[in-house]
Structures are given as C-alpha cells and as structure tokens.
C-alpha cells in the first residue's frame, strides 16, 4: 500500500504505480518495522506499507535498504524478524 497526502492506494488500484514512482529519489526519513505492521519506510510526502502474504513473495528478499548514515544495507526476508510470520 502507498500512503500519500491523497490517501491510501492498494496494490493495483488506479494511481498506485504513479504514487510509488513519486517516491523515487526521495530520502527515507524513518522506518517502522514489526510483525503486526510489516515494513513501513516513511518519506517526506508519504510512506509505503510492505506487508505481503506468503503467496505474494517474488524472491528471497522482501525488501532491502541502503542507509547513507551507516553505509550499510539492511535486508528483510521471509521467516526473519519483521516477517517472522512468513514461513
């Protein structure tokens, strides 16, 4: 789901792709991640909610982020931490 000032847009809803493209090049201000809510990177103008169902997993990593301040990658995988329920 993409959350912008215009509201929430679910995957495949009209405008969803355009909302996601609007985050390209924007810096992540904060990241919330827990099993109940999934992964939620927050940008200056909205956020993205990543909470896939098991059948929606396209590859081994659900998400990865590069943190400029620490110069490190963080990975989110099924069955681990935030996505411990996807096994």
N, C-alpha and C. Protein backbone atom coordinates (compact mmCIF):
# COMPACT_ATOMS: atom_id res chain seq x y z
N UNK A 1 0.84 -1.17 0.00
CA UNK A 1 0.00 0.00 0.00
C UNK A 1 0.89 1.24 0.00
N UNK A 2 0.49 2.22 -0.75
CA UNK A 2 1.17 3.51 -0.75
C UNK A 2 0.27 4.51 -0.02
N UNK A 3 0.86 5.29 0.86
CA UNK A 3 0.10 6.29 1.61
C UNK A 3 0.67 7.66 1.27
N UNK A 4 -0.17 8.52 0.71
CA UNK A 4 0.26 9.87 0.34
C UNK A 4 -0.77 10.86 0.89
N UNK A 5 -0.54 12.13 0.64
CA UNK A 5 -1.49 13.16 1.07
C UNK A 5 -2.86 12.94 0.45
N UNK A 6 -2.89 12.27 -0.70
CA UNK A 6 -4.15 11.99 -1.36
C UNK A 6 -4.89 10.80 -0.80
N UNK A 7 -4.28 10.07 0.14
CA UNK A 7 -4.93 8.92 0.75
C UNK A 7 -4.14 7.64 0.55
N UNK A 8 -4.79 6.52 0.84
CA UNK A 8 -4.16 5.20 0.73
C UNK A 8 -4.51 4.58 -0.62
N UNK A 9 -3.50 3.96 -1.24
CA UNK A 9 -3.70 3.28 -2.51
C UNK A 9 -3.21 1.84 -2.38
N UNK A 10 -4.09 0.90 -2.62
CA UNK A 10 -3.74 -0.51 -2.56
C UNK A 10 -3.07 -0.94 -3.86
N UNK A 11 -2.32 -2.02 -3.79
CA UNK A 11 -1.66 -2.59 -4.96
C UNK A 11 -2.69 -2.79 -6.08
N UNK A 12 -2.35 -2.40 -7.28
CA UNK A 12 -3.16 -2.49 -8.49
C UNK A 12 -4.32 -1.49 -8.55
N UNK A 13 -4.49 -0.65 -7.54
CA UNK A 13 -5.52 0.39 -7.60
C UNK A 13 -5.07 1.48 -8.58
N UNK A 14 -6.00 2.16 -9.23
CA UNK A 14 -5.61 3.26 -10.10
C UNK A 14 -4.79 4.29 -9.33
N UNK A 15 -3.65 4.67 -9.89
CA UNK A 15 -2.78 5.65 -9.27
C UNK A 15 -1.70 5.07 -8.38
N UNK A 16 -1.77 3.75 -8.09
CA UNK A 16 -0.79 3.11 -7.20
C UNK A 16 0.63 3.22 -7.77
N UNK A 17 0.79 2.84 -9.03
CA UNK A 17 2.12 2.89 -9.65
C UNK A 17 2.66 4.31 -9.66
N UNK A 18 1.82 5.27 -9.98
CA UNK A 18 2.25 6.66 -10.00
C UNK A 18 2.67 7.13 -8.61
N UNK A 19 1.93 6.69 -7.58
CA UNK A 19 2.29 7.05 -6.20
C UNK A 19 3.64 6.46 -5.84
N UNK A 20 3.89 5.20 -6.20
CA UNK A 20 5.20 4.59 -5.91
C UNK A 20 6.31 5.33 -6.65
N UNK A 21 6.07 5.66 -7.91
CA UNK A 21 7.09 6.39 -8.68
C UNK A 21 7.38 7.75 -8.05
N UNK A 22 6.44 8.31 -7.35
CA UNK A 22 6.64 9.59 -6.68
C UNK A 22 7.66 9.53 -5.55
N UNK A 23 7.95 8.32 -5.06
CA UNK A 23 8.94 8.15 -4.00
C UNK A 23 10.37 8.02 -4.54
N UNK A 24 10.51 7.81 -5.85
CA UNK A 24 11.84 7.64 -6.44
C UNK A 24 12.67 8.89 -6.19
N UNK A 25 13.84 8.70 -5.67
CA UNK A 25 14.76 9.80 -5.40
C UNK A 25 14.56 10.47 -4.06
N UNK A 26 13.47 10.14 -3.36
CA UNK A 26 13.21 10.75 -2.05
C UNK A 26 13.97 10.00 -0.97
N UNK A 27 14.39 10.72 0.05
CA UNK A 27 15.08 10.11 1.18
C UNK A 27 14.08 9.53 2.16
N UNK A 28 14.46 8.42 2.77
CA UNK A 28 13.64 7.81 3.81
C UNK A 28 13.92 8.55 5.11
N UNK A 29 12.87 9.09 5.73
CA UNK A 29 13.01 9.82 7.00
C UNK A 29 13.04 8.89 8.20
N UNK A 30 12.29 7.81 8.12
CA UNK A 30 12.19 6.85 9.23
C UNK A 30 11.70 5.53 8.68
N UNK A 31 11.92 4.47 9.44
CA UNK A 31 11.44 3.15 9.07
C UNK A 31 10.80 2.51 10.29
N UNK A 32 9.57 2.08 10.13
CA UNK A 32 8.90 1.31 11.19
C UNK A 32 8.84 -0.13 10.70
N UNK A 33 9.19 -1.06 11.57
CA UNK A 33 9.05 -2.46 11.18
C UNK A 33 8.71 -3.32 12.39
N UNK A 34 7.63 -4.04 12.26
CA UNK A 34 7.23 -5.02 13.27
C UNK A 34 6.32 -6.04 12.60
N UNK A 35 6.17 -7.19 13.23
CA UNK A 35 5.41 -8.29 12.63
C UNK A 35 3.98 -7.87 12.33
N UNK A 36 3.35 -7.12 13.20
CA UNK A 36 1.96 -6.74 13.00
C UNK A 36 1.76 -5.77 11.84
N UNK A 37 2.69 -4.84 11.65
CA UNK A 37 2.53 -3.78 10.65
C UNK A 37 3.34 -4.00 9.39
N UNK A 38 4.31 -4.89 9.42
CA UNK A 38 5.20 -5.07 8.28
C UNK A 38 6.28 -4.00 8.27
N UNK A 39 6.80 -3.72 7.11
CA UNK A 39 7.86 -2.73 6.92
C UNK A 39 7.24 -1.46 6.36
N UNK A 40 7.53 -0.32 6.99
CA UNK A 40 6.95 0.94 6.56
C UNK A 40 8.03 2.02 6.46
N UNK A 41 8.64 2.18 5.29
CA UNK A 41 9.54 3.32 5.11
C UNK A 41 8.72 4.60 4.95
N UNK A 42 9.11 5.64 5.68
CA UNK A 42 8.41 6.93 5.64
C UNK A 42 9.28 7.95 4.91
N UNK A 43 8.66 8.64 3.97
CA UNK A 43 9.30 9.66 3.15
C UNK A 43 8.72 11.03 3.53
N UNK A 44 9.30 12.12 3.03
CA UNK A 44 8.77 13.44 3.35
C UNK A 44 7.30 13.62 2.96
N UNK A 45 6.84 12.95 1.91
CA UNK A 45 5.48 13.16 1.42
C UNK A 45 4.59 11.92 1.48
N UNK A 46 4.97 10.94 2.28
CA UNK A 46 4.12 9.75 2.41
C UNK A 46 4.92 8.55 2.87
N UNK A 47 4.33 7.38 2.73
CA UNK A 47 5.00 6.16 3.15
C UNK A 47 4.53 4.99 2.29
N UNK A 48 5.23 3.89 2.42
CA UNK A 48 4.89 2.65 1.74
C UNK A 48 4.75 1.58 2.81
N UNK A 49 3.69 0.79 2.72
CA UNK A 49 3.48 -0.31 3.65
C UNK A 49 3.78 -1.60 2.92
N UNK A 50 4.77 -2.34 3.42
CA UNK A 50 5.15 -3.61 2.81
C UNK A 50 4.76 -4.72 3.77
N UNK A 51 3.69 -5.42 3.45
CA UNK A 51 3.19 -6.50 4.29
C UNK A 51 2.62 -7.58 3.37
N UNK A 52 3.50 -8.32 2.66
CA UNK A 52 3.00 -9.30 1.70
C UNK A 52 2.46 -10.57 2.38
N UNK A 53 1.58 -11.23 1.66
CA UNK A 53 1.13 -12.56 2.06
C UNK A 53 2.16 -13.56 1.52
N UNK A 54 2.21 -14.73 2.09
CA UNK A 54 3.19 -15.74 1.69
C UNK A 54 3.16 -16.00 0.18
N UNK A 55 1.97 -16.07 -0.40
CA UNK A 55 1.85 -16.37 -1.83
C UNK A 55 2.28 -15.19 -2.72
N UNK A 56 2.52 -14.03 -2.14
CA UNK A 56 2.93 -12.85 -2.91
C UNK A 56 4.45 -12.66 -2.96
N UNK A 57 5.20 -13.53 -2.30
CA UNK A 57 6.65 -13.33 -2.23
C UNK A 57 7.30 -13.68 -3.56
N UNK A 58 7.93 -12.68 -4.20
CA UNK A 58 8.52 -12.90 -5.52
C UNK A 58 9.95 -13.43 -5.49
N UNK A 59 10.68 -13.24 -4.40
CA UNK A 59 12.10 -13.61 -4.35
C UNK A 59 12.54 -13.75 -2.90
N UNK A 60 13.78 -14.13 -2.67
CA UNK A 60 14.23 -14.35 -1.29
C UNK A 60 14.17 -13.13 -0.39
N UNK A 61 14.43 -11.93 -0.92
CA UNK A 61 14.34 -10.73 -0.10
C UNK A 61 13.02 -10.02 -0.35
N UNK A 62 12.38 -9.60 0.74
CA UNK A 62 11.16 -8.83 0.62
C UNK A 62 11.52 -7.37 0.34
N UNK A 63 12.56 -6.89 1.00
CA UNK A 63 12.99 -5.51 0.83
C UNK A 63 14.45 -5.38 1.23
N UNK A 64 15.09 -4.37 0.72
CA UNK A 64 16.43 -4.00 1.16
C UNK A 64 16.57 -2.50 1.09
N UNK A 65 17.29 -1.96 2.05
CA UNK A 65 17.51 -0.52 2.11
C UNK A 65 18.99 -0.24 2.36
N UNK A 66 19.49 0.79 1.73
CA UNK A 66 20.85 1.28 1.94
C UNK A 66 20.75 2.51 2.83
N UNK A 67 21.44 2.47 3.96
CA UNK A 67 21.41 3.59 4.91
C UNK A 67 22.65 4.46 4.68
N UNK A 68 22.43 5.69 4.24
CA UNK A 68 23.54 6.60 3.94
C UNK A 68 24.38 6.92 5.17
N UNK A 69 23.73 7.05 6.34
CA UNK A 69 24.48 7.45 7.53
C UNK A 69 25.44 6.36 8.01
N UNK A 70 25.05 5.09 7.88
CA UNK A 70 25.91 3.99 8.35
C UNK A 70 26.65 3.30 7.21
N UNK A 71 26.26 3.61 5.97
CA UNK A 71 26.84 2.97 4.78
C UNK A 71 26.68 1.46 4.81
N UNK A 72 25.51 1.03 5.27
CA UNK A 72 25.22 -0.40 5.37
C UNK A 72 23.87 -0.72 4.75
N UNK A 73 23.74 -1.96 4.30
CA UNK A 73 22.47 -2.48 3.79
C UNK A 73 21.72 -3.14 4.93
N UNK A 74 20.41 -3.13 4.84
CA UNK A 74 19.57 -3.93 5.73
C UNK A 74 18.63 -4.72 4.84
N UNK A 75 18.44 -5.99 5.17
CA UNK A 75 17.63 -6.89 4.38
C UNK A 75 16.45 -7.39 5.20
N UNK A 76 15.31 -7.57 4.57
CA UNK A 76 14.15 -8.17 5.21
C UNK A 76 13.79 -9.40 4.40
N UNK A 77 13.75 -10.56 5.08
CA UNK A 77 13.49 -11.84 4.43
C UNK A 77 12.33 -12.57 5.11
N UNK A 78 11.63 -13.42 4.35
CA UNK A 78 10.56 -14.21 4.96
C UNK A 78 11.10 -15.08 6.08
N UNK A 79 10.34 -15.18 7.16
CA UNK A 79 10.72 -16.02 8.29
C UNK A 79 11.68 -15.37 9.27
N UNK A 80 12.10 -14.13 8.99
CA UNK A 80 13.05 -13.43 9.87
C UNK A 80 12.42 -12.13 10.41
N UNK A 81 12.68 -11.83 11.63
CA UNK A 81 12.34 -10.55 12.26
C UNK A 81 10.95 -10.04 11.90
N UNK A 82 10.88 -8.95 11.18
CA UNK A 82 9.61 -8.31 10.81
C UNK A 82 8.66 -9.26 10.09
N UNK A 83 9.21 -10.18 9.33
CA UNK A 83 8.40 -11.10 8.52
C UNK A 83 8.52 -12.54 9.05
N UNK A 84 8.65 -12.67 10.37
CA UNK A 84 8.77 -13.98 11.00
C UNK A 84 7.54 -14.85 10.75
N UNK A 85 6.41 -14.22 10.49
CA UNK A 85 5.18 -14.97 10.26
C UNK A 85 5.09 -15.56 8.85
N UNK A 86 6.02 -15.22 7.96
CA UNK A 86 6.01 -15.73 6.58
C UNK A 86 7.01 -16.88 6.46
N UNK A 87 6.55 -18.06 6.79
CA UNK A 87 7.43 -19.23 6.71
C UNK A 87 6.80 -20.33 5.90
